[in-house]
C-alpha atoms as a PDB file:
ATOM      1  CA  MET A   1     -11.631  17.410  30.294  1.00  0.00           C
ATOM      2  CA  SER A   2      -9.372  14.799  32.068  1.00  0.00           C
ATOM      3  CA  ILE A   3      -6.346  13.128  30.454  1.00  0.00           C
ATOM      4  CA  SER A   4      -7.963   9.793  30.609  1.00  0.00           C
ATOM      5  CA  THR A   5     -11.019  10.992  28.594  1.00  0.00           C
ATOM      6  CA  ILE A   6      -8.781  12.640  26.001  1.00  0.00           C
ATOM      7  CA  ALA A   7      -6.875   9.526  25.655  1.00  0.00           C
ATOM      8  CA  LEU A   8     -10.073   7.584  25.238  1.00  0.00           C
ATOM      9  CA  GLU A   9     -11.380   9.906  22.563  1.00  0.00           C
ATOM     10  CA  GLU A  10      -7.994   9.720  20.768  1.00  0.00           C
ATOM     11  CA  ARG A  11      -8.128   5.887  20.936  1.00  0.00           C
ATOM     12  CA  SER A  12     -11.623   5.800  19.691  1.00  0.00           C
ATOM     13  CA  THR A  13     -10.754   8.258  16.810  1.00  0.00           C
ATOM     14  CA  GLY A  14      -7.801   6.021  15.997  1.00  0.00           C
ATOM     15  CA  VAL A  15     -10.054   2.941  15.902  1.00  0.00           C
ATOM     16  CA  LEU A  16     -12.551   4.511  13.604  1.00  0.00           C
ATOM     17  CA  ALA A  17      -9.758   5.844  11.179  1.00  0.00           C
ATOM     18  CA  LYS A  18      -8.370   2.364  10.959  1.00  0.00           C
ATOM     19  CA  ALA A  19     -11.770   0.871  10.237  1.00  0.00           C
ATOM     20  CA  ALA A  20     -12.280   3.416   7.559  1.00  0.00           C
ATOM     21  CA  ASP A  21      -8.978   2.374   5.921  1.00  0.00           C
ATOM     22  CA  TYR A  22     -10.063  -1.210   5.990  1.00  0.00           C
ATOM     23  CA  LEU A  23     -13.242  -0.240   4.411  1.00  0.00           C
ATOM     24  CA  GLU A  24     -11.424   1.554   1.783  1.00  0.00           C
ATOM     25  CA  LEU A  25      -9.465  -1.529   1.137  1.00  0.00           C
ATOM     26  CA  THR A  26     -12.729  -3.142  -0.053  1.00  0.00           C
ATOM     27  CA  LYS A  27     -13.323  -0.454  -2.885  1.00  0.00           C
ATOM     28  CA  PRO A  28     -16.838   0.200  -1.537  1.00  0.00           C
ATOM     29  CA  ARG A  29     -18.173   1.922  -4.632  1.00  0.00           C
ATOM     30  CA  ILE A  30     -17.192  -0.972  -6.838  1.00  0.00           C
ATOM     31  CA  ALA A  31     -18.278  -3.483  -4.113  1.00  0.00           C
ATOM     32  CA  MET A  32     -21.772  -1.725  -4.245  1.00  0.00           C
ATOM     33  CA  LEU A  33     -22.120  -2.119  -8.076  1.00  0.00           C
ATOM     34  CA  VAL A  34     -20.942  -5.775  -7.685  1.00  0.00           C
ATOM     35  CA  LEU A  35     -23.654  -6.334  -5.040  1.00  0.00           C
ATOM     36  CA  VAL A  36     -26.357  -4.648  -7.107  1.00  0.00           C
ATOM     37  CA  THR A  37     -25.333  -6.774 -10.206  1.00  0.00           C
ATOM     38  CA  PHE A  38     -25.435  -9.934  -7.925  1.00  0.00           C
ATOM     39  CA  VAL A  39     -28.981  -9.179  -6.672  1.00  0.00           C
ATOM     40  CA  VAL A  40     -30.346  -8.230 -10.005  1.00  0.00           C
ATOM     41  CA  SER A  41     -29.109 -11.538 -11.403  1.00  0.00           C
ATOM     42  CA  GLY A  42     -30.581 -13.413  -8.592  1.00  0.00           C
ATOM     43  CA  VAL A  43     -33.980 -11.786  -9.136  1.00  0.00           C
ATOM     44  CA  VAL A  44     -33.929 -12.229 -12.809  1.00  0.00           C
ATOM     45  CA  ALA A  45     -33.119 -15.929 -12.360  1.00  0.00           C
ATOM     46  CA  ARG A  46     -36.243 -16.297 -10.296  1.00  0.00           C
ATOM     47  CA  TRP A  47     -38.406 -14.414 -12.802  1.00  0.00           C
ATOM     48  CA  GLY A  48     -38.817 -11.513 -10.356  1.00  0.00           C
ATOM     49  CA  GLN A  49     -39.656 -13.647  -7.241  1.00  0.00           C
ATOM     50  CA  PRO A  50     -36.748 -13.033  -4.982  1.00  0.00           C
ATOM     51  CA  ASP A  51     -35.179 -15.938  -2.984  1.00  0.00           C
ATOM     52  CA  LEU A  52     -34.307 -13.839   0.182  1.00  0.00           C
ATOM     53  CA  HIS A  53     -32.120 -16.663   1.716  1.00  0.00           C
ATOM     54  CA  GLY A  54     -29.994 -16.913  -1.453  1.00  0.00           C
ATOM     55  CA  LEU A  55     -29.781 -13.245  -1.901  1.00  0.00           C
ATOM     56  CA  LEU A  56     -28.892 -12.240   1.518  1.00  0.00           C
ATOM     57  CA  HIS A  57     -26.446 -15.056   2.409  1.00  0.00           C
ATOM     58  CA  GLY A  58     -24.973 -15.067  -1.177  1.00  0.00           C
ATOM     59  CA  SER A  59     -24.496 -11.197  -1.050  1.00  0.00           C
ATOM     60  CA  LEU A  60     -22.562 -11.476   2.294  1.00  0.00           C
ATOM     61  CA  GLY A  61     -20.288 -14.275   1.064  1.00  0.00           C
ATOM     62  CA  MET A  62     -19.756 -12.466  -2.262  1.00  0.00           C
ATOM     63  CA  PHE A  63     -18.913  -9.285  -0.532  1.00  0.00           C
ATOM     64  CA  LEU A  64     -16.170 -11.004   1.508  1.00  0.00           C
ATOM     65  CA  ILE A  65     -14.663 -12.615  -1.547  1.00  0.00           C
ATOM     66  CA  ALA A  66     -14.786  -9.223  -3.364  1.00  0.00           C
ATOM     67  CA  ALA A  67     -13.250  -7.506  -0.352  1.00  0.00           C
ATOM     68  CA  SER A  68     -10.327  -9.864  -0.356  1.00  0.00           C
ATOM     69  CA  ALA A  69      -9.876  -9.484  -4.104  1.00  0.00           C
ATOM     70  CA  SER A  70      -9.762  -5.593  -3.840  1.00  0.00           C
ATOM     71  CA  ALA A  71      -7.397  -5.662  -0.893  1.00  0.00           C
ATOM     72  CA  LEU A  72      -4.919  -8.025  -2.728  1.00  0.00           C
ATOM     73  CA  ASN A  73      -5.352  -5.867  -5.700  1.00  0.00           C
ATOM     74  CA  GLN A  74      -4.299  -2.838  -3.738  1.00  0.00           C
ATOM     75  CA  TRP A  75      -1.319  -4.537  -2.233  1.00  0.00           C
ATOM     76  CA  LEU A  76       0.028  -5.730  -5.444  1.00  0.00           C
ATOM     77  CA  GLU A  77      -0.316  -2.346  -6.879  1.00  0.00           C
ATOM     78  CA  ARG A  78       0.746  -0.228  -3.859  1.00  0.00           C
ATOM     79  CA  LYS A  79       3.964   0.997  -5.487  1.00  0.00           C
ATOM     80  CA  ARG A  80       2.152   1.956  -8.812  1.00  0.00           C
ATOM     81  CA  ASP A  81      -0.703   3.571  -6.705  1.00  0.00           C
ATOM     82  CA  LEU A  82       1.896   5.779  -5.203  1.00  0.00           C
ATOM     83  CA  ARG A  83       2.684   7.209  -8.424  1.00  0.00           C
ATOM     84  CA  MET A  84      -0.900   8.235  -9.411  1.00  0.00           C
ATOM     85  CA  GLU A  85      -2.687  11.173  -7.897  1.00  0.00           C
ATOM     86  CA  ARG A  86      -5.927   9.431  -7.851  1.00  0.00           C
ATOM     87  CA  THR A  87      -4.632   6.430  -5.788  1.00  0.00           C
ATOM     88  CA  ALA A  88      -1.715   7.897  -3.857  1.00  0.00           C
ATOM     89  CA  ASN A  89      -3.745   8.466  -0.621  1.00  0.00           C
ATOM     90  CA  ARG A  90      -5.047   4.833  -0.502  1.00  0.00           C
ATOM     91  CA  PRO A  91      -4.277   3.122   2.836  1.00  0.00           C
ATOM     92  CA  LEU A  92      -1.291   1.123   1.584  1.00  0.00           C
ATOM     93  CA  PRO A  93       0.726   3.762  -0.490  1.00  0.00           C
ATOM     94  CA  SER A  94       0.049   6.443   2.106  1.00  0.00           C
ATOM     95  CA  GLY A  95       1.323   4.087   4.955  1.00  0.00           C
ATOM     96  CA  ARG A  96      -1.905   4.060   7.027  1.00  0.00           C
ATOM     97  CA  LEU A  97      -2.008   0.357   6.681  1.00  0.00           C
ATOM     98  CA  SER A  98       0.867  -2.048   6.468  1.00  0.00           C
ATOM     99  CA  SER A  99       1.378  -4.825   3.963  1.00  0.00           C
ATOM    100  CA  ALA A 100       0.860  -7.419   6.678  1.00  0.00           C
ATOM    101  CA  GLU A 101      -2.399  -5.779   7.719  1.00  0.00           C
ATOM    102  CA  ALA A 102      -3.621  -5.812   4.145  1.00  0.00           C
ATOM    103  CA  ILE A 103      -2.622  -9.434   3.451  1.00  0.00           C
ATOM    104  CA  THR A 104      -4.043 -10.549   6.676  1.00  0.00           C
ATOM    105  CA  PHE A 105      -7.356  -8.840   5.830  1.00  0.00           C
ATOM    106  CA  ALA A 106      -7.454 -10.345   2.449  1.00  0.00           C
ATOM    107  CA  VAL A 107      -6.807 -13.872   3.643  1.00  0.00           C
ATOM    108  CA  VAL A 108      -9.298 -13.693   6.416  1.00  0.00           C
ATOM    109  CA  THR A 109     -12.072 -12.299   4.090  1.00  0.00           C
ATOM    110  CA  PHE A 110     -11.328 -14.816   1.405  1.00  0.00           C
ATOM    111  CA  VAL A 111     -11.502 -17.851   3.690  1.00  0.00           C
ATOM    112  CA  ALA A 112     -14.535 -16.616   5.428  1.00  0.00           C
ATOM    113  CA  GLY A 113     -16.409 -15.852   2.274  1.00  0.00           C
ATOM    114  CA  LEU A 114     -15.459 -19.154   0.723  1.00  0.00           C
ATOM    115  CA  ILE A 115     -16.554 -21.211   3.689  1.00  0.00           C
ATOM    116  CA  TYR A 116     -19.762 -19.112   4.084  1.00  0.00           C
ATOM    117  CA  LEU A 117     -20.757 -19.575   0.436  1.00  0.00           C
ATOM    118  CA  THR A 118     -19.979 -23.396   0.543  1.00  0.00           C
ATOM    119  CA  LEU A 119     -21.779 -24.057   3.745  1.00  0.00           C
ATOM    120  CA  VAL A 120     -24.674 -21.592   3.713  1.00  0.00           C
ATOM    121  CA  VAL A 121     -25.433 -21.007   0.014  1.00  0.00           C
ATOM    122  CA  ASN A 122     -23.935 -23.756  -2.295  1.00  0.00           C
ATOM    123  CA  TRP A 123     -20.618 -25.052  -3.796  1.00  0.00           C
ATOM    124  CA  VAL A 124     -21.392 -23.743  -7.246  1.00  0.00           C
ATOM    125  CA  THR A 125     -21.668 -20.227  -6.135  1.00  0.00           C
ATOM    126  CA  ALA A 126     -18.448 -20.565  -4.033  1.00  0.00           C
ATOM    127  CA  LEU A 127     -16.626 -22.038  -7.121  1.00  0.00           C
ATOM    128  CA  PHE A 128     -17.668 -18.983  -9.166  1.00  0.00           C
ATOM    129  CA  GLY A 129     -16.364 -16.766  -6.315  1.00  0.00           C
ATOM    130  CA  VAL A 130     -12.939 -18.536  -6.451  1.00  0.00           C
ATOM    131  CA  VAL A 131     -12.818 -18.191 -10.251  1.00  0.00           C
ATOM    132  CA  THR A 132     -13.829 -14.500 -10.026  1.00  0.00           C
ATOM    133  CA  TRP A 133     -11.120 -13.863  -7.162  1.00  0.00           C
ATOM    134  CA  VAL A 134      -8.381 -15.649  -9.238  1.00  0.00           C
ATOM    135  CA  MET A 135      -9.251 -13.706 -12.374  1.00  0.00           C
ATOM    136  CA  TYR A 136      -9.184 -10.309 -10.681  1.00  0.00           C
ATOM    137  CA  VAL A 137      -6.216 -10.698  -8.420  1.00  0.00           C
ATOM    138  CA  TRP A 138      -3.856 -13.106 -10.185  1.00  0.00           C
ATOM    139  CA  VAL A 139      -4.619 -12.597 -13.943  1.00  0.00           C
ATOM    140  CA  TYR A 140      -6.129  -9.051 -14.403  1.00  0.00           C
ATOM    141  CA  THR A 141      -3.886  -7.156 -11.941  1.00  0.00           C
ATOM    142  CA  PRO A 142      -0.533  -8.687 -13.093  1.00  0.00           C
ATOM    143  CA  LEU A 143      -1.571  -7.986 -16.703  1.00  0.00           C
ATOM    144  CA  LYS A 144      -2.093  -4.218 -16.260  1.00  0.00           C
ATOM    145  CA  PRO A 145       1.587  -3.275 -16.594  1.00  0.00           C
ATOM    146  CA  ILE A 146       2.015  -5.823 -19.493  1.00  0.00           C
ATOM    147  CA  THR A 147      -0.721  -5.430 -22.020  1.00  0.00           C
ATOM    148  CA  SER A 148      -3.712  -3.403 -22.801  1.00  0.00           C
ATOM    149  CA  LEU A 149      -5.660  -6.698 -23.027  1.00  0.00           C
ATOM    150  CA  ASN A 150      -5.949  -6.351 -19.242  1.00  0.00           C
ATOM    151  CA  THR A 151      -9.339  -4.545 -19.893  1.00  0.00           C
ATOM    152  CA  ALA A 152     -10.927  -7.616 -21.536  1.00  0.00           C
ATOM    153  CA  VAL A 153      -9.765  -9.838 -18.524  1.00  0.00           C
ATOM    154  CA  GLY A 154     -10.935  -7.377 -16.014  1.00  0.00           C
ATOM    155  CA  ALA A 155     -14.262  -7.255 -17.782  1.00  0.00           C
ATOM    156  CA  ILE A 156     -14.589 -11.096 -17.363  1.00  0.00           C
ATOM    157  CA  ALA A 157     -14.037 -10.730 -13.684  1.00  0.00           C
ATOM    158  CA  GLY A 158     -16.405  -7.683 -13.486  1.00  0.00           C
ATOM    159  CA  ALA A 159     -19.199  -9.807 -15.071  1.00  0.00           C
ATOM    160  CA  ALA A 160     -18.646 -12.911 -12.964  1.00  0.00           C
ATOM    161  CA  PRO A 161     -20.818 -11.775 -10.103  1.00  0.00           C
ATOM    162  CA  VAL A 162     -23.744 -12.330 -12.399  1.00  0.00           C
ATOM    163  CA  ALA A 163     -23.023 -16.015 -12.287  1.00  0.00           C
ATOM    164  CA  MET A 164     -22.715 -15.933  -8.558  1.00  0.00           C
ATOM    165  CA  GLY A 165     -26.149 -14.220  -8.091  1.00  0.00           C
ATOM    166  CA  TRP A 166     -27.857 -16.669 -10.558  1.00  0.00           C
ATOM    167  CA  THR A 167     -26.478 -19.843  -8.946  1.00  0.00           C
ATOM    168  CA  ALA A 168     -26.941 -18.508  -5.362  1.00  0.00           C
ATOM    169  CA  VAL A 169     -30.752 -18.653  -5.899  1.00  0.00           C
ATOM    170  CA  GLY A 170     -30.669 -22.028  -7.539  1.00  0.00           C
ATOM    171  CA  GLY A 171     -30.561 -20.795 -11.258  1.00  0.00           C
ATOM    172  CA  GLN A 172     -29.302 -23.216 -13.863  1.00  0.00           C
ATOM    173  CA  VAL A 173     -25.820 -22.376 -15.388  1.00  0.00           C
ATOM    174  CA  TRP A 174     -26.922 -23.411 -18.920  1.00  0.00           C
ATOM    175  CA  ASP A 175     -29.878 -20.837 -18.860  1.00  0.00           C
ATOM    176  CA  LEU A 176     -29.591 -18.577 -21.888  1.00  0.00           C
ATOM    177  CA  ARG A 177     -30.821 -15.709 -19.866  1.00  0.00           C
ATOM    178  CA  LEU A 178     -27.686 -16.007 -17.590  1.00  0.00           C
ATOM    179  CA  LEU A 179     -25.347 -15.884 -20.706  1.00  0.00           C
ATOM    180  CA  SER A 180     -27.286 -12.798 -21.960  1.00  0.00           C
ATOM    181  CA  LEU A 181     -26.934 -10.949 -18.653  1.00  0.00           C
ATOM    182  CA  PHE A 182     -23.310 -11.922 -18.221  1.00  0.00           C
ATOM    183  CA  THR A 183     -22.586 -10.621 -21.800  1.00  0.00           C
ATOM    184  CA  LEU A 184     -24.486  -7.448 -21.058  1.00  0.00           C
ATOM    185  CA  VAL A 185     -22.399  -6.550 -18.028  1.00  0.00           C
ATOM    186  CA  PHE A 186     -19.204  -7.690 -19.842  1.00  0.00           C
ATOM    187  CA  VAL A 187     -19.676  -5.557 -22.862  1.00  0.00           C
ATOM    188  CA  TRP A 188     -20.752  -2.528 -20.730  1.00  0.00           C
ATOM    189  CA  GLN A 189     -17.366  -2.239 -19.202  1.00  0.00           C
ATOM    190  CA  PHE A 190     -15.692  -1.335 -22.398  1.00  0.00           C
ATOM    191  CA  PRO A 191     -17.196   2.112 -23.049  1.00  0.00           C
ATOM    192  CA  HIS A 192     -16.963   2.694 -19.286  1.00  0.00           C
ATOM    193  CA  PHE A 193     -13.293   1.758 -18.976  1.00  0.00           C
ATOM    194  CA  MET A 194     -12.289   3.561 -22.123  1.00  0.00           C
ATOM    195  CA  ALA A 195     -13.654   6.821 -20.673  1.00  0.00           C
ATOM    196  CA  ILE A 196     -11.729   6.289 -17.460  1.00  0.00           C
ATOM    197  CA  ALA A 197      -8.655   5.242 -19.273  1.00  0.00           C
ATOM    198  CA  TRP A 198      -8.634   8.557 -21.238  1.00  0.00           C
ATOM    199  CA  LEU A 199      -9.367  10.729 -18.211  1.00  0.00           C
ATOM    200  CA  TYR A 200      -6.468   9.254 -16.359  1.00  0.00           C
ATOM    201  CA  ARG A 201      -4.222   8.421 -19.241  1.00  0.00           C
ATOM    202  CA  ARG A 202      -1.257  10.425 -17.968  1.00  0.00           C
ATOM    203  CA  GLN A 203      -1.353   8.943 -14.491  1.00  0.00           C
ATOM    204  CA  TYR A 204      -1.591   5.539 -15.978  1.00  0.00           C
ATOM    205  CA  ALA A 205       1.401   6.130 -18.076  1.00  0.00           C
ATOM    206  CA  HIS A 206       3.421   7.415 -15.185  1.00  0.00           C
ATOM    207  CA  ALA A 207       2.581   4.400 -13.178  1.00  0.00           C
ATOM    208  CA  GLY A 208       3.573   2.116 -16.050  1.00  0.00           C
ATOM    209  CA  LEU A 209       0.088   0.641 -16.660  1.00  0.00           C
ATOM    210  CA  ARG A 210      -0.452  -0.448 -20.297  1.00  0.00           C
ATOM    211  CA  MET A 211      -3.980   0.898 -20.769  1.00  0.00           C
ATOM    212  CA  LEU A 212      -5.169   1.373 -24.305  1.00  0.00           C
ATOM    213  CA  THR A 213      -4.903   5.122 -23.951  1.00  0.00           C
ATOM    214  CA  VAL A 214      -1.249   4.702 -22.943  1.00  0.00           C
ATOM    215  CA  VAL A 215      -0.386   2.248 -25.733  1.00  0.00           C
ATOM    216  CA  ASP A 216      -2.292   4.575 -28.302  1.00  0.00           C
ATOM    217  CA  PRO A 217      -2.033   8.140 -26.771  1.00  0.00           C
ATOM    218  CA  SER A 218      -4.086   9.496 -29.662  1.00  0.00           C
ATOM    219  CA  GLY A 219      -7.133   7.797 -28.182  1.00  0.00           C
ATOM    220  CA  ARG A 220      -8.334   6.549 -31.556  1.00  0.00           C
ATOM    221  CA  ARG A 221      -8.310   2.871 -30.624  1.00  0.00           C
ATOM    222  CA  ALA A 222      -9.996   3.614 -27.318  1.00  0.00           C
ATOM    223  CA  GLY A 223     -12.621   5.576 -29.133  1.00  0.00           C
ATOM    224  CA  VAL A 224     -13.329   2.764 -31.534  1.00  0.00           C
ATOM    225  CA  GLN A 225     -13.452   0.359 -28.770  1.00  0.00           C
ATOM    226  CA  ALA A 226     -16.004   2.543 -26.838  1.00  0.00           C
ATOM    227  CA  VAL A 227     -18.248   2.739 -29.927  1.00  0.00           C
ATOM    228  CA  LEU A 228     -18.079  -1.008 -30.779  1.00  0.00           C
ATOM    229  CA  GLY A 229     -18.936  -1.768 -27.118  1.00  0.00           C
ATOM    230  CA  ALA A 230     -21.828   0.700 -27.184  1.00  0.00           C
ATOM    231  CA  LEU A 231     -23.008  -0.753 -30.539  1.00  0.00           C
ATOM    232  CA  ALA A 232     -22.841  -4.222 -29.176  1.00  0.00           C
ATOM    233  CA  LEU A 233     -24.957  -3.429 -26.227  1.00  0.00           C
ATOM    234  CA  LEU A 234     -27.943  -2.447 -28.316  1.00  0.00           C
ATOM    235  CA  PRO A 235     -28.613  -6.033 -29.357  1.00  0.00           C
ATOM    236  CA  VAL A 236     -27.237  -7.658 -26.304  1.00  0.00           C
ATOM    237  CA  SER A 237     -29.399  -5.502 -23.942  1.00  0.00           C
ATOM    238  CA  LEU A 238     -32.519  -6.889 -25.594  1.00  0.00           C
ATOM    239  CA  MET A 239     -31.577 -10.573 -25.087  1.00  0.00           C
ATOM    240  CA  PRO A 240     -32.696 -10.873 -21.347  1.00  0.00           C
ATOM    241  CA  ALA A 241     -36.061  -9.726 -22.251  1.00  0.00           C
ATOM    242  CA  MET A 242     -36.836 -12.252 -24.920  1.00  0.00           C
ATOM    243  CA  MET A 243     -38.723 -14.548 -22.568  1.00  0.00           C
ATOM    244  CA  SER A 244     -40.336 -11.871 -20.382  1.00  0.00           C
ATOM    245  CA  PRO A 245     -43.933 -10.715 -20.325  1.00  0.00           C
ATOM    246  CA  GLY A 246     -42.756  -7.090 -20.245  1.00  0.00           C
ATOM    247  CA  ALA A 247     -40.449  -7.278 -23.131  1.00  0.00           C
ATOM    248  CA  GLY A 248     -42.265  -4.677 -25.149  1.00  0.00           C
ATOM    249  CA  ILE A 249     -41.723  -1.722 -22.615  1.00  0.00           C
ATOM    250  CA  TYR A 250     -38.277  -2.963 -21.664  1.00  0.00           C
ATOM    251  CA  THR A 251     -37.164  -3.171 -25.272  1.00  0.00           C
ATOM    252  CA  VAL A 252     -38.137   0.533 -25.936  1.00  0.00           C
ATOM    253  CA  LEU A 253     -36.471   1.762 -22.843  1.00  0.00           C
ATOM    254  CA  ALA A 254     -33.270  -0.333 -23.264  1.00  0.00           C
ATOM    255  CA  PHE A 255     -32.954   0.927 -26.862  1.00  0.00           C
ATOM    256  CA  VAL A 256     -33.315   4.598 -25.906  1.00  0.00           C
ATOM    257  CA  LEU A 257     -30.633   4.120 -23.110  1.00  0.00           C
ATOM    258  CA  GLY A 258     -28.374   2.342 -25.630  1.00  0.00           C
ATOM    259  CA  VAL A 259     -28.759   4.969 -28.200  1.00  0.00           C
ATOM    260  CA  ALA A 260     -27.998   7.785 -25.807  1.00  0.00           C
ATOM    261  CA  GLN A 261     -24.785   5.936 -24.599  1.00  0.00           C
ATOM    262  CA  LEU A 262     -23.807   5.268 -28.290  1.00  0.00           C
ATOM    263  CA  ILE A 263     -24.030   9.008 -29.121  1.00  0.00           C
ATOM    264  CA  ALA A 264     -21.775   9.757 -26.126  1.00  0.00           C
ATOM    265  CA  ALA A 265     -19.320   7.047 -27.428  1.00  0.00           C
ATOM    266  CA  ILE A 266     -19.293   8.481 -30.943  1.00  0.00           C
ATOM    267  CA  ARG A 267     -18.753  11.965 -29.595  1.00  0.00           C
ATOM    268  CA  PHE A 268     -15.789  10.688 -27.580  1.00  0.00           C
ATOM    269  CA  MET A 269     -14.332   8.869 -30.725  1.00  0.00           C
ATOM    270  CA  LYS A 270     -14.611  11.928 -32.677  1.00  0.00           C
ATOM    271  CA  ARG A 271     -13.338  14.405 -30.074  1.00  0.00           C
ATOM    272  CA  ARG A 272     -11.045  12.477 -27.845  1.00  0.00           C
ATOM    273  CA  ASP A 273     -10.983  15.144 -25.136  1.00  0.00           C
ATOM    274  CA  ASP A 274     -11.740  15.265 -21.404  1.00  0.00           C
ATOM    275  CA  PRO A 275     -15.278  16.670 -21.758  1.00  0.00           C
ATOM    276  CA  SER A 276     -16.492  14.030 -24.108  1.00  0.00           C
ATOM    277  CA  ALA A 277     -14.802  11.230 -21.973  1.00  0.00           C
ATOM    278  CA  ARG A 278     -16.670  12.632 -18.967  1.00  0.00           C
ATOM    279  CA  SER A 279     -19.872  12.636 -20.886  1.00  0.00           C
ATOM    280  CA  LEU A 280     -19.377   9.174 -21.843  1.00  0.00           C
ATOM    281  CA  LEU A 281     -18.395   8.115 -18.273  1.00  0.00           C
ATOM    282  CA  ARG A 282     -21.666   9.630 -16.946  1.00  0.00           C
ATOM    283  CA  ALA A 283     -23.696   7.878 -19.623  1.00  0.00           C
ATOM    284  CA  SER A 284     -22.154   4.537 -18.667  1.00  0.00           C
ATOM    285  CA  LEU A 285     -22.844   5.158 -15.065  1.00  0.00           C
ATOM    286  CA  VAL A 286     -26.491   5.887 -15.838  1.00  0.00           C
ATOM    287  CA  TYR A 287     -26.978   3.134 -18.442  1.00  0.00           C
ATOM    288  CA  LEU A 288     -26.030  -0.012 -16.332  1.00  0.00           C
ATOM    289  CA  PRO A 289     -28.075   0.807 -13.015  1.00  0.00           C
ATOM    290  CA  ALA A 290     -31.040   1.969 -15.137  1.00  0.00           C
ATOM    291  CA  LEU A 291     -30.917  -1.282 -17.310  1.00  0.00           C
ATOM    292  CA  LEU A 292     -30.495  -3.447 -14.293  1.00  0.00           C
ATOM    293  CA  LEU A 293     -33.498  -1.742 -12.438  1.00  0.00           C
ATOM    294  CA  MET A 294     -35.635  -2.405 -15.489  1.00  0.00           C
ATOM    295  CA  LEU A 295     -34.519  -5.990 -15.694  1.00  0.00           C
ATOM    296  CA  VAL A 296     -36.018  -6.243 -12.092  1.00  0.00           C
ATOM    297  CA  LEU A 297     -39.156  -4.590 -12.944  1.00  0.00           C
ATOM    298  CA  VAL A 298     -39.877  -6.196 -16.275  1.00  0.00           C
ATOM    299  CA  PRO A 299     -41.748  -9.177 -14.831  1.00  0.00           C
ATOM    300  CA  LEU A 300     -43.869  -6.726 -12.850  1.00  0.00           C
ATOM    301  CA  ILE A 301     -44.873  -4.516 -15.737  1.00  0.00           C
END
């Protein structure tokens, strides 16, 4: 193998590694859940009749906005991320990407996403995108080392893509179904986040993040909040089906899912140990995708 060939392969490997680091800046697993929420919201808004133009173009614009928010979040938290095992290998704390590269990426994706949503989708969806970006980057992230209320603020930002998906297909913002779906995604995040906060409580404390499990190391308050969130989901999860022809089947399945998650939350509240937290985390990761899938299928049942 010639020297030039080796150099070309090394260059190609370097380009791919750099691309992978930029992809990691977008927090792809979170971005995927956000995209699913966006699409489901758009489908529900149209009573199960997808508006492909709004969904496809809206998803692209929203992904760009979300990528920018994730990149800036990681830039703002780069020093704290270095102090946690679960985040120390991210592109910024590990030094694989510089601050200039991350900020440039964030600015470019935000501007591109905003322009795209405004020109190709509509200004209402673009506005919700800006609000989501501001809430996540400039409110939720700075609050993390200050107060445990950061979880509630983060939950608002996490549920905001529901409004983006809804408006991207022409849904009306005063529709009660939008409010119910937003509330569903908002409340779901509390059992989910409390499980994560418990599992990584020591790392969060070392990084100086004021999660509820750091403020209250006993885990009692986190357990109560997880149970209250799971309880609230039982009636909230039934709201989107009230005007749907498949409400009967959906109601039964949603109730079964909700009870299963509630049992996991109660177990976590009583035991407050890692196995019960992992069980709750798994239950929450099953609950939301399954419920969103049913919401898409309800008009077809």
